[in-house]
Amino acid sequence: MAISELSLDSTQHLVQQSRAGDESAFAALVEAHQSAVVGTVLRLVSDREVAAEVSNRAFFKAYQHLASFDASRPLRPWLLRIAANEALNELRSRRRDAAHTFGGAEAELHFEQISGAPDPGEIVSRHERSGVIRDAASRLPEPQRVAVVLRYFAELPYADIAELTQQSVNNVGVTLLRARERLRRDLERQGVATDGLP
């Protein structure tokens, strides 16, 4: 069995060992969930170096709070909630830093333009539909992009997204509806079939 395909029993055993101080057990948990955590964070912060730093902070925080994790539940959603929360904290910190650097409302506008820009490594033309969809999602306004990433890439339930983004479950639904409409329009402009989109 590949390390990324841990069963619930294996995960529970590794969590138990990690709580007892076995660092190799926690390393196995990190290895099993690293791509999901880094991928989620990268989609939120749009910077590979920052995503690596934020992911490391998220795993460290998970290790610190492993005692509070309910081992009868799946670990992945718990880790992704921590990672998403750390990524959102990073985005808020960037926004504060940008506001101090540029000053006021103008800074917010500049920050939105900076954070919404595609990564230069991703500008290369893609022929795969999934790549086009990811690109379109990265161009969404931050609140919509965050909701889309947490729901469709991290597969978190509406209630968890609401808690992370500090809004009501209904607002999450409305945000996702608007994001899907915007994605559909963007993809149709690019000539990409939108049937099968959520």
N, C-alpha and C. Protein backbone atom coordinates (compact mmCIF):
# COMPACT_ATOMS: atom_id res chain seq x y z
N MET A 1 0.84 -1.18 0.00
CA MET A 1 0.00 0.00 0.00
C MET A 1 0.89 1.24 0.00
N ALA A 2 0.58 2.18 -0.87
CA ALA A 2 1.34 3.42 -0.96
C ALA A 2 1.07 4.25 0.30
N ILE A 3 2.06 5.02 0.68
CA ILE A 3 1.93 5.81 1.90
C ILE A 3 0.78 6.81 1.78
N SER A 4 0.46 7.27 0.57
CA SER A 4 -0.60 8.25 0.40
C SER A 4 -1.99 7.62 0.48
N GLU A 5 -2.06 6.31 0.62
CA GLU A 5 -3.34 5.62 0.68
C GLU A 5 -3.55 4.98 2.05
N LEU A 6 -3.32 5.74 3.10
CA LEU A 6 -3.47 5.22 4.45
C LEU A 6 -4.93 4.95 4.75
N SER A 7 -5.19 3.80 5.34
CA SER A 7 -6.55 3.49 5.79
C SER A 7 -6.83 4.24 7.09
N LEU A 8 -8.08 4.28 7.48
CA LEU A 8 -8.44 4.93 8.74
C LEU A 8 -7.73 4.27 9.91
N ASP A 9 -7.63 2.92 9.87
CA ASP A 9 -6.92 2.20 10.94
C ASP A 9 -5.45 2.57 10.98
N SER A 10 -4.82 2.64 9.81
CA SER A 10 -3.40 3.02 9.75
C SER A 10 -3.20 4.44 10.25
N THR A 11 -4.10 5.32 9.85
CA THR A 11 -4.02 6.71 10.29
C THR A 11 -4.17 6.80 11.80
N GLN A 12 -5.16 6.09 12.34
CA GLN A 12 -5.37 6.10 13.80
C GLN A 12 -4.12 5.60 14.53
N HIS A 13 -3.51 4.54 13.99
CA HIS A 13 -2.31 3.98 14.60
C HIS A 13 -1.16 5.00 14.56
N LEU A 14 -0.98 5.65 13.41
CA LEU A 14 0.09 6.64 13.29
C LEU A 14 -0.17 7.86 14.18
N VAL A 15 -1.41 8.25 14.32
CA VAL A 15 -1.75 9.37 15.21
C VAL A 15 -1.41 8.99 16.65
N GLN A 16 -1.79 7.77 17.02
CA GLN A 16 -1.51 7.30 18.37
C GLN A 16 0.01 7.27 18.63
N GLN A 17 0.76 6.77 17.68
CA GLN A 17 2.22 6.74 17.82
C GLN A 17 2.80 8.15 17.88
N SER A 18 2.26 9.05 17.06
CA SER A 18 2.74 10.44 17.05
C SER A 18 2.48 11.10 18.39
N ARG A 19 1.32 10.84 18.96
CA ARG A 19 0.99 11.41 20.28
C ARG A 19 1.95 10.90 21.34
N ALA A 20 2.46 9.69 21.15
CA ALA A 20 3.41 9.09 22.10
C ALA A 20 4.83 9.59 21.86
N GLY A 21 5.01 10.47 20.85
CA GLY A 21 6.33 11.04 20.61
C GLY A 21 7.11 10.43 19.48
N ASP A 22 6.52 9.52 18.71
CA ASP A 22 7.21 8.90 17.58
C ASP A 22 7.21 9.85 16.39
N GLU A 23 8.34 10.52 16.17
CA GLU A 23 8.45 11.49 15.08
C GLU A 23 8.33 10.85 13.71
N SER A 24 8.78 9.61 13.57
CA SER A 24 8.68 8.94 12.26
C SER A 24 7.22 8.65 11.90
N ALA A 25 6.39 8.43 12.90
CA ALA A 25 4.96 8.22 12.65
C ALA A 25 4.33 9.51 12.12
N PHE A 26 4.70 10.64 12.73
CA PHE A 26 4.15 11.91 12.24
C PHE A 26 4.71 12.21 10.85
N ALA A 27 5.96 11.88 10.61
CA ALA A 27 6.54 12.07 9.28
C ALA A 27 5.77 11.28 8.23
N ALA A 28 5.33 10.08 8.59
CA ALA A 28 4.53 9.27 7.67
C ALA A 28 3.18 9.94 7.40
N LEU A 29 2.58 10.56 8.41
CA LEU A 29 1.33 11.28 8.22
C LEU A 29 1.54 12.49 7.31
N VAL A 30 2.63 13.20 7.53
CA VAL A 30 2.94 14.36 6.68
C VAL A 30 3.11 13.90 5.24
N GLU A 31 3.88 12.84 5.04
CA GLU A 31 4.11 12.34 3.69
C GLU A 31 2.81 11.93 3.01
N ALA A 32 1.92 11.34 3.75
CA ALA A 32 0.65 10.87 3.18
C ALA A 32 -0.27 12.03 2.78
N HIS A 33 -0.15 13.16 3.47
CA HIS A 33 -1.09 14.27 3.24
C HIS A 33 -0.43 15.52 2.68
N GLN A 34 0.86 15.46 2.44
CA GLN A 34 1.59 16.65 2.02
C GLN A 34 1.08 17.23 0.70
N SER A 35 0.83 16.41 -0.29
CA SER A 35 0.40 16.95 -1.58
C SER A 35 -0.96 17.64 -1.47
N ALA A 36 -1.88 17.09 -0.69
CA ALA A 36 -3.19 17.73 -0.52
C ALA A 36 -3.06 19.06 0.22
N VAL A 37 -2.23 19.08 1.26
CA VAL A 37 -2.06 20.30 2.04
C VAL A 37 -1.36 21.38 1.21
N VAL A 38 -0.24 21.04 0.59
CA VAL A 38 0.49 22.02 -0.21
C VAL A 38 -0.35 22.49 -1.39
N GLY A 39 -1.06 21.59 -2.03
CA GLY A 39 -1.91 21.96 -3.16
C GLY A 39 -3.00 22.94 -2.76
N THR A 40 -3.63 22.69 -1.63
CA THR A 40 -4.68 23.59 -1.15
C THR A 40 -4.10 24.96 -0.82
N VAL A 41 -2.99 24.98 -0.11
CA VAL A 41 -2.37 26.25 0.27
C VAL A 41 -1.90 27.00 -0.98
N LEU A 42 -1.29 26.30 -1.92
CA LEU A 42 -0.81 26.95 -3.14
C LEU A 42 -1.95 27.61 -3.91
N ARG A 43 -3.08 26.94 -3.98
CA ARG A 43 -4.22 27.52 -4.68
C ARG A 43 -4.75 28.77 -3.98
N LEU A 44 -4.51 28.86 -2.68
CA LEU A 44 -4.97 30.03 -1.93
C LEU A 44 -3.98 31.18 -1.98
N VAL A 45 -2.68 30.89 -1.85
CA VAL A 45 -1.70 31.98 -1.77
C VAL A 45 -1.01 32.29 -3.09
N SER A 46 -1.11 31.39 -4.07
CA SER A 46 -0.56 31.60 -5.42
C SER A 46 0.93 31.89 -5.46
N ASP A 47 1.68 31.31 -4.55
CA ASP A 47 3.13 31.49 -4.53
C ASP A 47 3.73 30.23 -3.92
N ARG A 48 4.59 29.55 -4.70
CA ARG A 48 5.12 28.25 -4.27
C ARG A 48 5.95 28.34 -2.99
N GLU A 49 6.81 29.34 -2.88
CA GLU A 49 7.64 29.46 -1.68
C GLU A 49 6.79 29.74 -0.45
N VAL A 50 5.84 30.63 -0.58
CA VAL A 50 4.96 30.96 0.53
C VAL A 50 4.11 29.73 0.88
N ALA A 51 3.65 29.01 -0.15
CA ALA A 51 2.85 27.80 0.10
C ALA A 51 3.65 26.77 0.89
N ALA A 52 4.93 26.63 0.58
CA ALA A 52 5.77 25.68 1.31
C ALA A 52 5.91 26.11 2.77
N GLU A 53 6.14 27.40 3.00
CA GLU A 53 6.27 27.91 4.37
C GLU A 53 4.97 27.74 5.15
N VAL A 54 3.85 28.11 4.52
CA VAL A 54 2.56 28.02 5.18
C VAL A 54 2.21 26.56 5.47
N SER A 55 2.51 25.67 4.54
CA SER A 55 2.25 24.25 4.75
C SER A 55 3.06 23.72 5.92
N ASN A 56 4.32 24.12 6.01
CA ASN A 56 5.15 23.70 7.15
C ASN A 56 4.57 24.20 8.47
N ARG A 57 4.11 25.46 8.47
CA ARG A 57 3.47 25.99 9.69
C ARG A 57 2.22 25.20 10.04
N ALA A 58 1.45 24.83 9.01
CA ALA A 58 0.23 24.07 9.24
C ALA A 58 0.54 22.70 9.84
N PHE A 59 1.54 22.01 9.30
CA PHE A 59 1.90 20.71 9.85
C PHE A 59 2.45 20.84 11.27
N PHE A 60 3.21 21.89 11.52
CA PHE A 60 3.72 22.12 12.87
C PHE A 60 2.56 22.36 13.84
N LYS A 61 1.59 23.17 13.42
CA LYS A 61 0.43 23.44 14.26
C LYS A 61 -0.36 22.15 14.49
N ALA A 62 -0.49 21.34 13.45
CA ALA A 62 -1.20 20.06 13.58
C ALA A 62 -0.48 19.18 14.60
N TYR A 63 0.84 19.16 14.54
CA TYR A 63 1.62 18.35 15.49
C TYR A 63 1.39 18.85 16.92
N GLN A 64 1.39 20.18 17.07
CA GLN A 64 1.18 20.76 18.40
C GLN A 64 -0.20 20.43 18.96
N HIS A 65 -1.19 20.32 18.08
CA HIS A 65 -2.57 20.13 18.52
C HIS A 65 -3.08 18.72 18.25
N LEU A 66 -2.18 17.79 18.02
CA LEU A 66 -2.58 16.42 17.72
C LEU A 66 -3.39 15.80 18.85
N ALA A 67 -3.13 16.23 20.07
CA ALA A 67 -3.88 15.68 21.22
C ALA A 67 -5.37 16.02 21.14
N SER A 68 -5.71 17.12 20.47
CA SER A 68 -7.12 17.51 20.37
C SER A 68 -7.83 16.89 19.17
N PHE A 69 -7.08 16.20 18.31
CA PHE A 69 -7.68 15.57 17.13
C PHE A 69 -8.46 14.33 17.53
N ASP A 70 -9.68 14.19 17.00
CA ASP A 70 -10.52 13.02 17.23
C ASP A 70 -10.08 11.93 16.25
N ALA A 71 -9.32 10.96 16.73
CA ALA A 71 -8.72 9.94 15.87
C ALA A 71 -9.74 9.01 15.22
N SER A 72 -10.99 9.08 15.64
CA SER A 72 -12.01 8.25 14.99
C SER A 72 -12.51 8.88 13.69
N ARG A 73 -12.07 10.10 13.45
CA ARG A 73 -12.47 10.83 12.23
C ARG A 73 -11.31 10.87 11.25
N PRO A 74 -11.60 11.13 9.98
CA PRO A 74 -10.51 11.23 8.99
C PRO A 74 -9.58 12.40 9.30
N LEU A 75 -8.29 12.19 9.09
CA LEU A 75 -7.28 13.20 9.39
C LEU A 75 -7.22 14.29 8.32
N ARG A 76 -7.39 13.90 7.06
CA ARG A 76 -7.20 14.83 5.94
C ARG A 76 -8.03 16.11 6.08
N PRO A 77 -9.35 16.03 6.34
CA PRO A 77 -10.12 17.29 6.47
C PRO A 77 -9.63 18.17 7.62
N TRP A 78 -9.21 17.54 8.71
CA TRP A 78 -8.69 18.29 9.85
C TRP A 78 -7.41 19.03 9.45
N LEU A 79 -6.51 18.33 8.77
CA LEU A 79 -5.27 18.96 8.31
C LEU A 79 -5.55 20.08 7.31
N LEU A 80 -6.49 19.84 6.40
CA LEU A 80 -6.81 20.86 5.39
C LEU A 80 -7.45 22.10 6.02
N ARG A 81 -8.22 21.92 7.07
CA ARG A 81 -8.79 23.08 7.77
C ARG A 81 -7.67 23.90 8.40
N ILE A 82 -6.72 23.22 9.03
CA ILE A 82 -5.58 23.93 9.63
C ILE A 82 -4.79 24.66 8.54
N ALA A 83 -4.52 23.97 7.44
CA ALA A 83 -3.74 24.56 6.35
C ALA A 83 -4.47 25.75 5.74
N ALA A 84 -5.77 25.60 5.51
CA ALA A 84 -6.55 26.70 4.93
C ALA A 84 -6.57 27.89 5.88
N ASN A 85 -6.69 27.64 7.16
CA ASN A 85 -6.69 28.72 8.14
C ASN A 85 -5.35 29.44 8.14
N GLU A 86 -4.27 28.70 8.08
CA GLU A 86 -2.93 29.31 8.01
C GLU A 86 -2.77 30.13 6.72
N ALA A 87 -3.29 29.59 5.61
CA ALA A 87 -3.21 30.32 4.33
C ALA A 87 -4.01 31.61 4.38
N LEU A 88 -5.20 31.54 4.97
CA LEU A 88 -6.02 32.75 5.09
C LEU A 88 -5.35 33.77 6.01
N ASN A 89 -4.70 33.30 7.07
CA ASN A 89 -3.94 34.21 7.94
C ASN A 89 -2.81 34.88 7.15
N GLU A 90 -2.16 34.10 6.30
CA GLU A 90 -1.07 34.64 5.46
C GLU A 90 -1.61 35.71 4.52
N LEU A 91 -2.75 35.44 3.89
CA LEU A 91 -3.35 36.42 2.99
C LEU A 91 -3.73 37.70 3.73
N ARG A 92 -4.27 37.55 4.94
CA ARG A 92 -4.62 38.73 5.74
C ARG A 92 -3.36 39.52 6.10
N SER A 93 -2.31 38.81 6.44
CA SER A 93 -1.04 39.45 6.77
C SER A 93 -0.48 40.20 5.57
N ARG A 94 -0.56 39.58 4.41
CA ARG A 94 -0.10 40.25 3.18
C ARG A 94 -0.90 41.52 2.94
N ARG A 95 -2.21 41.43 3.16
CA ARG A 95 -3.07 42.58 2.93
C ARG A 95 -2.68 43.71 3.87
N ARG A 96 -2.43 43.38 5.14
CA ARG A 96 -2.00 44.41 6.10
C ARG A 96 -0.68 45.00 5.68
N ASP A 97 0.27 44.14 5.28
CA ASP A 97 1.58 44.63 4.84
C ASP A 97 1.45 45.51 3.61
N ALA A 98 0.61 45.11 2.67
CA ALA A 98 0.41 45.91 1.46
C ALA A 98 -0.22 47.25 1.80
N ALA A 99 -1.14 47.25 2.74
CA ALA A 99 -1.79 48.50 3.13
C ALA A 99 -0.77 49.46 3.73
N HIS A 100 0.19 48.94 4.49
CA HIS A 100 1.22 49.79 5.08
C HIS A 100 2.23 50.23 4.04
N THR A 101 2.50 49.39 3.07
CA THR A 101 3.48 49.71 2.04
C THR A 101 2.94 50.72 1.05
N PHE A 102 1.74 50.48 0.52
CA PHE A 102 1.17 51.36 -0.50
C PHE A 102 0.31 52.46 0.10
N GLY A 103 -0.39 52.13 1.18
CA GLY A 103 -1.24 53.09 1.85
C GLY A 103 -2.69 53.07 1.43
N GLY A 104 -3.56 52.74 2.36
CA GLY A 104 -5.00 52.89 2.22
C GLY A 104 -5.68 52.03 1.18
N ALA A 105 -6.78 52.58 0.63
CA ALA A 105 -7.62 51.85 -0.32
C ALA A 105 -6.85 51.50 -1.59
N GLU A 106 -5.94 52.36 -1.99
CA GLU A 106 -5.14 52.09 -3.19
C GLU A 106 -4.33 50.81 -3.00
N ALA A 107 -3.86 50.58 -1.79
CA ALA A 107 -3.10 49.37 -1.50
C ALA A 107 -3.95 48.14 -1.69
N GLU A 108 -5.20 48.21 -1.25
CA GLU A 108 -6.09 47.06 -1.41
C GLU A 108 -6.25 46.72 -2.89
N LEU A 109 -6.42 47.73 -3.73
CA LEU A 109 -6.58 47.51 -5.16
C LEU A 109 -5.32 46.88 -5.73
N HIS A 110 -4.16 47.42 -5.40
CA HIS A 110 -2.90 46.85 -5.88
C HIS A 110 -2.72 45.42 -5.40
N PHE A 111 -3.04 45.17 -4.14
CA PHE A 111 -2.88 43.82 -3.61
C PHE A 111 -3.77 42.84 -4.34
N GLU A 112 -5.00 43.22 -4.61
CA GLU A 112 -5.91 42.33 -5.33
C GLU A 112 -5.35 42.01 -6.71
N GLN A 113 -4.76 43.00 -7.35
CA GLN A 113 -4.19 42.76 -8.67
C GLN A 113 -2.97 41.85 -8.58
N ILE A 114 -2.14 42.05 -7.57
CA ILE A 114 -0.95 41.23 -7.40
C ILE A 114 -1.33 39.79 -7.08
N SER A 115 -2.20 39.60 -6.08
CA SER A 115 -2.52 38.24 -5.65
C SER A 115 -3.35 37.49 -6.67
N GLY A 116 -4.06 38.19 -7.54
CA GLY A 116 -4.88 37.53 -8.54
C GLY A 116 -4.12 37.16 -9.79
N ALA A 117 -2.91 37.67 -9.93
CA ALA A 117 -2.14 37.40 -11.15
C ALA A 117 -1.65 35.96 -11.16
N PRO A 118 -1.64 35.35 -12.33
CA PRO A 118 -1.17 33.97 -12.40
C PRO A 118 0.33 33.88 -12.16
N ASP A 119 0.74 32.77 -11.62
CA ASP A 119 2.15 32.48 -11.41
C ASP A 119 2.82 32.41 -12.78
N PRO A 120 3.95 33.09 -12.99
CA PRO A 120 4.60 33.06 -14.31
C PRO A 120 4.84 31.64 -14.83
N GLY A 121 5.10 30.70 -13.94
CA GLY A 121 5.29 29.32 -14.37
C GLY A 121 4.02 28.69 -14.90
N GLU A 122 2.89 29.28 -14.56
CA GLU A 122 1.61 28.73 -15.00
C GLU A 122 1.07 29.43 -16.25
N ILE A 123 1.78 30.44 -16.75
CA ILE A 123 1.31 31.17 -17.91
C ILE A 123 1.43 30.32 -19.18
N VAL A 124 2.34 29.36 -19.16
CA VAL A 124 2.54 28.49 -20.31
C VAL A 124 1.20 27.88 -20.72
N SER A 125 0.95 27.92 -22.02
CA SER A 125 -0.33 27.43 -22.53
C SER A 125 -0.59 26.00 -22.13
N ARG A 126 -1.83 25.72 -21.69
CA ARG A 126 -2.22 24.36 -21.29
C ARG A 126 -3.31 23.88 -22.21
N HIS A 127 -3.28 22.61 -22.52
CA HIS A 127 -4.31 22.03 -23.36
C HIS A 127 -5.30 21.22 -22.55
N GLU A 128 -4.95 20.91 -21.33
CA GLU A 128 -5.84 20.11 -20.50
C GLU A 128 -6.92 20.98 -19.87
N ARG A 129 -8.14 20.49 -19.90
CA ARG A 129 -9.28 21.22 -19.35
C ARG A 129 -9.08 21.52 -17.87
N SER A 130 -8.53 20.58 -17.12
CA SER A 130 -8.35 20.81 -15.68
C SER A 130 -7.39 21.97 -15.43
N GLY A 131 -6.37 22.10 -16.26
CA GLY A 131 -5.44 23.21 -16.12
C GLY A 131 -6.11 24.54 -16.40
N VAL A 132 -6.97 24.57 -17.40
CA VAL A 132 -7.71 25.78 -17.75
C VAL A 132 -8.65 26.16 -16.61
N ILE A 133 -9.30 25.17 -16.01
CA ILE A 133 -10.22 25.43 -14.91
C ILE A 133 -9.46 25.97 -13.71
N ARG A 134 -8.30 25.38 -13.40
CA ARG A 134 -7.50 25.88 -12.28
C ARG A 134 -7.08 27.33 -12.54
N ASP A 135 -6.70 27.63 -13.79
CA ASP A 135 -6.31 29.00 -14.12
C ASP A 135 -7.48 29.96 -13.95
N ALA A 136 -8.64 29.54 -14.41
CA ALA A 136 -9.83 30.39 -14.28
C ALA A 136 -10.14 30.62 -12.80
N ALA A 137 -10.00 29.58 -11.99
CA ALA A 137 -10.26 29.71 -10.55
C ALA A 137 -9.27 30.67 -9.90
N SER A 138 -8.04 30.68 -10.38
CA SER A 138 -7.04 31.58 -9.79
C SER A 138 -7.34 33.05 -10.10
N ARG A 139 -8.15 33.30 -11.11
CA ARG A 139 -8.50 34.68 -11.48
C ARG A 139 -9.75 35.19 -10.75
N LEU A 140 -10.39 34.34 -10.00
CA LEU A 140 -11.57 34.76 -9.24
C LEU A 140 -11.17 35.77 -8.18
N PRO A 141 -12.08 36.66 -7.80
CA PRO A 141 -11.80 37.54 -6.65
C PRO A 141 -11.50 36.67 -5.42
N GLU A 142 -10.67 37.16 -4.54
CA GLU A 142 -10.20 36.36 -3.41
C GLU A 142 -11.28 35.62 -2.63
N PRO A 143 -12.37 36.28 -2.23
CA PRO A 143 -13.38 35.53 -1.45
C PRO A 143 -13.96 34.35 -2.24
N GLN A 144 -14.19 34.54 -3.53
CA GLN A 144 -14.72 33.46 -4.36
C GLN A 144 -13.67 32.36 -4.57
N ARG A 145 -12.42 32.77 -4.81
CA ARG A 145 -11.34 31.80 -5.01
C ARG A 145 -11.14 30.95 -3.76
N VAL A 146 -11.16 31.59 -2.60
CA VAL A 146 -11.00 30.86 -1.34
C VAL A 146 -12.11 29.84 -1.18
N ALA A 147 -13.35 30.26 -1.41
CA ALA A 147 -14.49 29.35 -1.26
C ALA A 147 -14.40 28.18 -2.24
N VAL A 148 -14.03 28.46 -3.48
CA VAL A 148 -13.91 27.40 -4.50
C VAL A 148 -12.81 26.42 -4.13
N VAL A 149 -11.66 26.93 -3.73
CA VAL A 149 -10.54 26.05 -3.37
C VAL A 149 -10.93 25.16 -2.18
N LEU A 150 -11.52 25.75 -1.17
CA LEU A 150 -11.88 24.98 0.02
C LEU A 150 -12.97 23.96 -0.27
N ARG A 151 -13.91 24.30 -1.13
CA ARG A 151 -15.02 23.37 -1.41
C ARG A 151 -14.64 22.30 -2.43
N TYR A 152 -14.07 22.71 -3.56
CA TYR A 152 -13.90 21.78 -4.67
C TYR A 152 -12.51 21.15 -4.76
N PHE A 153 -11.50 21.81 -4.19
CA PHE A 153 -10.16 21.21 -4.21
C PHE A 153 -9.85 20.53 -2.87
N ALA A 154 -10.21 21.20 -1.76
CA ALA A 154 -9.97 20.61 -0.44
C ALA A 154 -11.16 19.77 0.02
N GLU A 155 -12.29 19.91 -0.66
CA GLU A 155 -13.50 19.13 -0.38
C GLU A 155 -14.03 19.32 1.04
N LEU A 156 -13.95 20.54 1.53
CA LEU A 156 -14.47 20.83 2.86
C LEU A 156 -15.97 21.11 2.77
N PRO A 157 -16.72 20.74 3.80
CA PRO A 157 -18.17 21.05 3.82
C PRO A 157 -18.40 22.55 4.03
N TYR A 158 -19.59 22.98 3.64
CA TYR A 158 -19.95 24.39 3.76
C TYR A 158 -19.74 24.92 5.18
N ALA A 159 -20.09 24.14 6.19
CA ALA A 159 -19.98 24.59 7.58
C ALA A 159 -18.52 24.90 7.94
N ASP A 160 -17.58 24.07 7.48
CA ASP A 160 -16.16 24.32 7.76
C ASP A 160 -15.68 25.56 7.02
N ILE A 161 -16.14 25.73 5.79
CA ILE A 161 -15.75 26.91 5.02
C ILE A 161 -16.28 28.17 5.70
N ALA A 162 -17.52 28.10 6.17
CA ALA A 162 -18.11 29.24 6.87
C ALA A 162 -17.29 29.61 8.10
N GLU A 163 -16.88 28.60 8.86
CA GLU A 163 -16.08 28.85 10.06
C GLU A 163 -14.73 29.47 9.70
N LEU A 164 -14.07 28.93 8.69
CA LEU A 164 -12.75 29.43 8.29
C LEU A 164 -12.80 30.85 7.75
N THR A 165 -13.85 31.15 7.00
CA THR A 165 -13.95 32.46 6.36
C THR A 165 -14.77 33.46 7.17
N GLN A 166 -15.24 33.02 8.33
CA GLN A 166 -15.99 33.87 9.25
C GLN A 166 -17.23 34.47 8.59
N GLN A 167 -18.02 33.59 7.97
CA GLN A 167 -19.28 34.02 7.39
C GLN A 167 -20.32 32.92 7.60
N SER A 168 -21.56 33.20 7.27
CA SER A 168 -22.61 32.21 7.47
C SER A 168 -22.55 31.15 6.37
N VAL A 169 -23.17 30.01 6.64
CA VAL A 169 -23.24 28.93 5.66
C VAL A 169 -23.98 29.42 4.42
N ASN A 170 -25.03 30.22 4.61
CA ASN A 170 -25.77 30.77 3.47
C ASN A 170 -24.88 31.66 2.60
N ASN A 171 -24.05 32.48 3.24
CA ASN A 171 -23.14 33.35 2.48
C ASN A 171 -22.13 32.52 1.70
N VAL A 172 -21.68 31.42 2.28
CA VAL A 172 -20.77 30.53 1.55
C VAL A 172 -21.46 30.01 0.29
N GLY A 173 -22.71 29.59 0.44
CA GLY A 173 -23.47 29.10 -0.71
C GLY A 173 -23.61 30.15 -1.79
N VAL A 174 -23.91 31.38 -1.40
CA VAL A 174 -24.05 32.48 -2.36
C VAL A 174 -22.71 32.77 -3.03
N THR A 175 -21.65 32.79 -2.24
CA THR A 175 -20.31 33.04 -2.79
C THR A 175 -19.95 31.96 -3.81
N LEU A 176 -20.23 30.71 -3.48
CA LEU A 176 -19.93 29.62 -4.41
C LEU A 176 -20.78 29.70 -5.67
N LEU A 177 -22.04 30.08 -5.53
CA LEU A 177 -22.91 30.24 -6.69
C LEU A 177 -22.36 31.31 -7.62
N ARG A 178 -21.98 32.44 -7.06
CA ARG A 178 -21.42 33.53 -7.87
C ARG A 178 -20.10 33.11 -8.51
N ALA A 179 -19.29 32.38 -7.76
CA ALA A 179 -18.01 31.92 -8.30
C ALA A 179 -18.23 30.96 -9.47
N ARG A 180 -19.18 30.04 -9.32
CA ARG A 180 -19.47 29.10 -10.42
C ARG A 180 -19.97 29.83 -11.66
N GLU A 181 -20.83 30.84 -11.46
CA GLU A 181 -21.32 31.62 -12.59
C GLU A 181 -20.17 32.34 -13.28
N ARG A 182 -19.30 32.93 -12.49
CA ARG A 182 -18.16 33.66 -13.05
C ARG A 182 -17.21 32.71 -13.78
N LEU A 183 -16.94 31.55 -13.17
CA LEU A 183 -16.09 30.54 -13.82
C LEU A 183 -16.70 30.09 -15.14
N ARG A 184 -17.99 29.83 -15.13
CA ARG A 184 -18.68 29.37 -16.34
C ARG A 184 -18.54 30.41 -17.46
N ARG A 185 -18.78 31.70 -17.13
CA ARG A 185 -18.64 32.77 -18.15
C ARG A 185 -17.20 32.85 -18.66
N ASP A 186 -16.24 32.79 -17.74
CA ASP A 186 -14.83 32.88 -18.12
C ASP A 186 -14.44 31.71 -19.03
N LEU A 187 -14.85 30.51 -18.67
CA LEU A 187 -14.50 29.33 -19.46
C LEU A 187 -15.19 29.34 -20.82
N GLU A 188 -16.44 29.80 -20.87
CA GLU A 188 -17.14 29.87 -22.15
C GLU A 188 -16.47 30.88 -23.07
N ARG A 189 -15.97 31.99 -22.53
CA ARG A 189 -15.24 32.98 -23.33
C ARG A 189 -13.97 32.35 -23.94
N GLN A 190 -13.40 31.40 -23.21
CA GLN A 190 -12.19 30.73 -23.70
C GLN A 190 -12.50 29.54 -24.60
N GLY A 191 -13.79 29.26 -24.78
CA GLY A 191 -14.19 28.14 -25.63
C GLY A 191 -14.10 26.79 -24.95
N VAL A 192 -14.09 26.77 -23.63
CA VAL A 192 -14.00 25.53 -22.88
C VAL A 192 -15.42 25.08 -22.52
N ALA A 193 -15.70 23.81 -22.77
CA ALA A 193 -17.02 23.26 -22.42
C ALA A 193 -17.23 23.33 -20.93
N THR A 194 -18.40 23.80 -20.52
CA THR A 194 -18.67 23.96 -19.09
C THR A 194 -19.64 22.90 -18.57
N ASP A 195 -20.07 21.97 -19.40
CA ASP A 195 -20.94 20.92 -18.92
C ASP A 195 -20.12 20.04 -17.98
N GLY A 196 -20.72 19.62 -16.92
CA GLY A 196 -20.02 18.81 -15.94
C GLY A 196 -19.39 19.61 -14.81
N LEU A 197 -19.41 20.94 -14.92
CA LEU A 197 -18.94 21.76 -13.81
C LEU A 197 -19.97 21.71 -12.70
N PRO A 198 -19.52 21.80 -11.44
CA PRO A 198 -20.48 21.75 -10.32
C PRO A 198 -21.42 22.94 -10.35
